[in-house]
Amino acid sequence: MNRLRNFTYLLLVGLPFLLSQCQQTLSPLEKTENSGAKMGVCSFSQGFYFRSPVGTAASANKWPLTIGGKSYTQAEGMAIFKGRAGGHANISNMFTQAASIKLSVAMGNMALSGAVAPYVSTIDTYLGGMSRLNGSGLLANSKLPNTSSDVLTSDAVAAANNISVWIENNHCAEVNPTN
């Protein structure tokens, strides 16, 4: 009879309490005042940081960023983002996906850890073995090498794609900046 009473107590009192604690701890969306967006373990996308006037303005003071061991200004980042139209989609995507995560870290949305950290590290290592990127001619030679700093190009491209999927699944919620 005591076991049944203890089990009933656990179900009626203990379990709801534990669930409420888990929900408070694991909730990925919390309001912060620095950007007006709901934050937690989330990231805004490259579209937010490189296309949206709200995103580019909100992240302006978080530049320069170090990617691949090289420091880039926001203007250089924007030029690299636009370089995808010039036949440099893979290298532009690598740069801007890693930049999106690093900007989200700088804005306090997340820490660079967990599932996404190895992807950013792969891109940093890969780009670290290349010459500095720029918007007009992202690379002196438009064909990417098979490897850079012992990272296969296919692995760096896959890392950028994996960041994209992670961001899609963990995108910060945008709220009206007038709220």
Foldseek 3Di string as FASTA:
>chain_A
DVVVVVVVCCVPPVVVVVVVVCCVVVPQFDADDLLRFTAHAAFAALCQCQPNPSNVVSLQVVDQDAALNDTDHSVQLNLLCVLVVVVQVQLNLLVSLLVRVVSCVSSPRHPCDDPLNVLSVLRSQQSNQAPCAGNPQRHPDSDDDCGGNNRGSVSNSVSSVVSVVVNVVRPIGDDDSVD
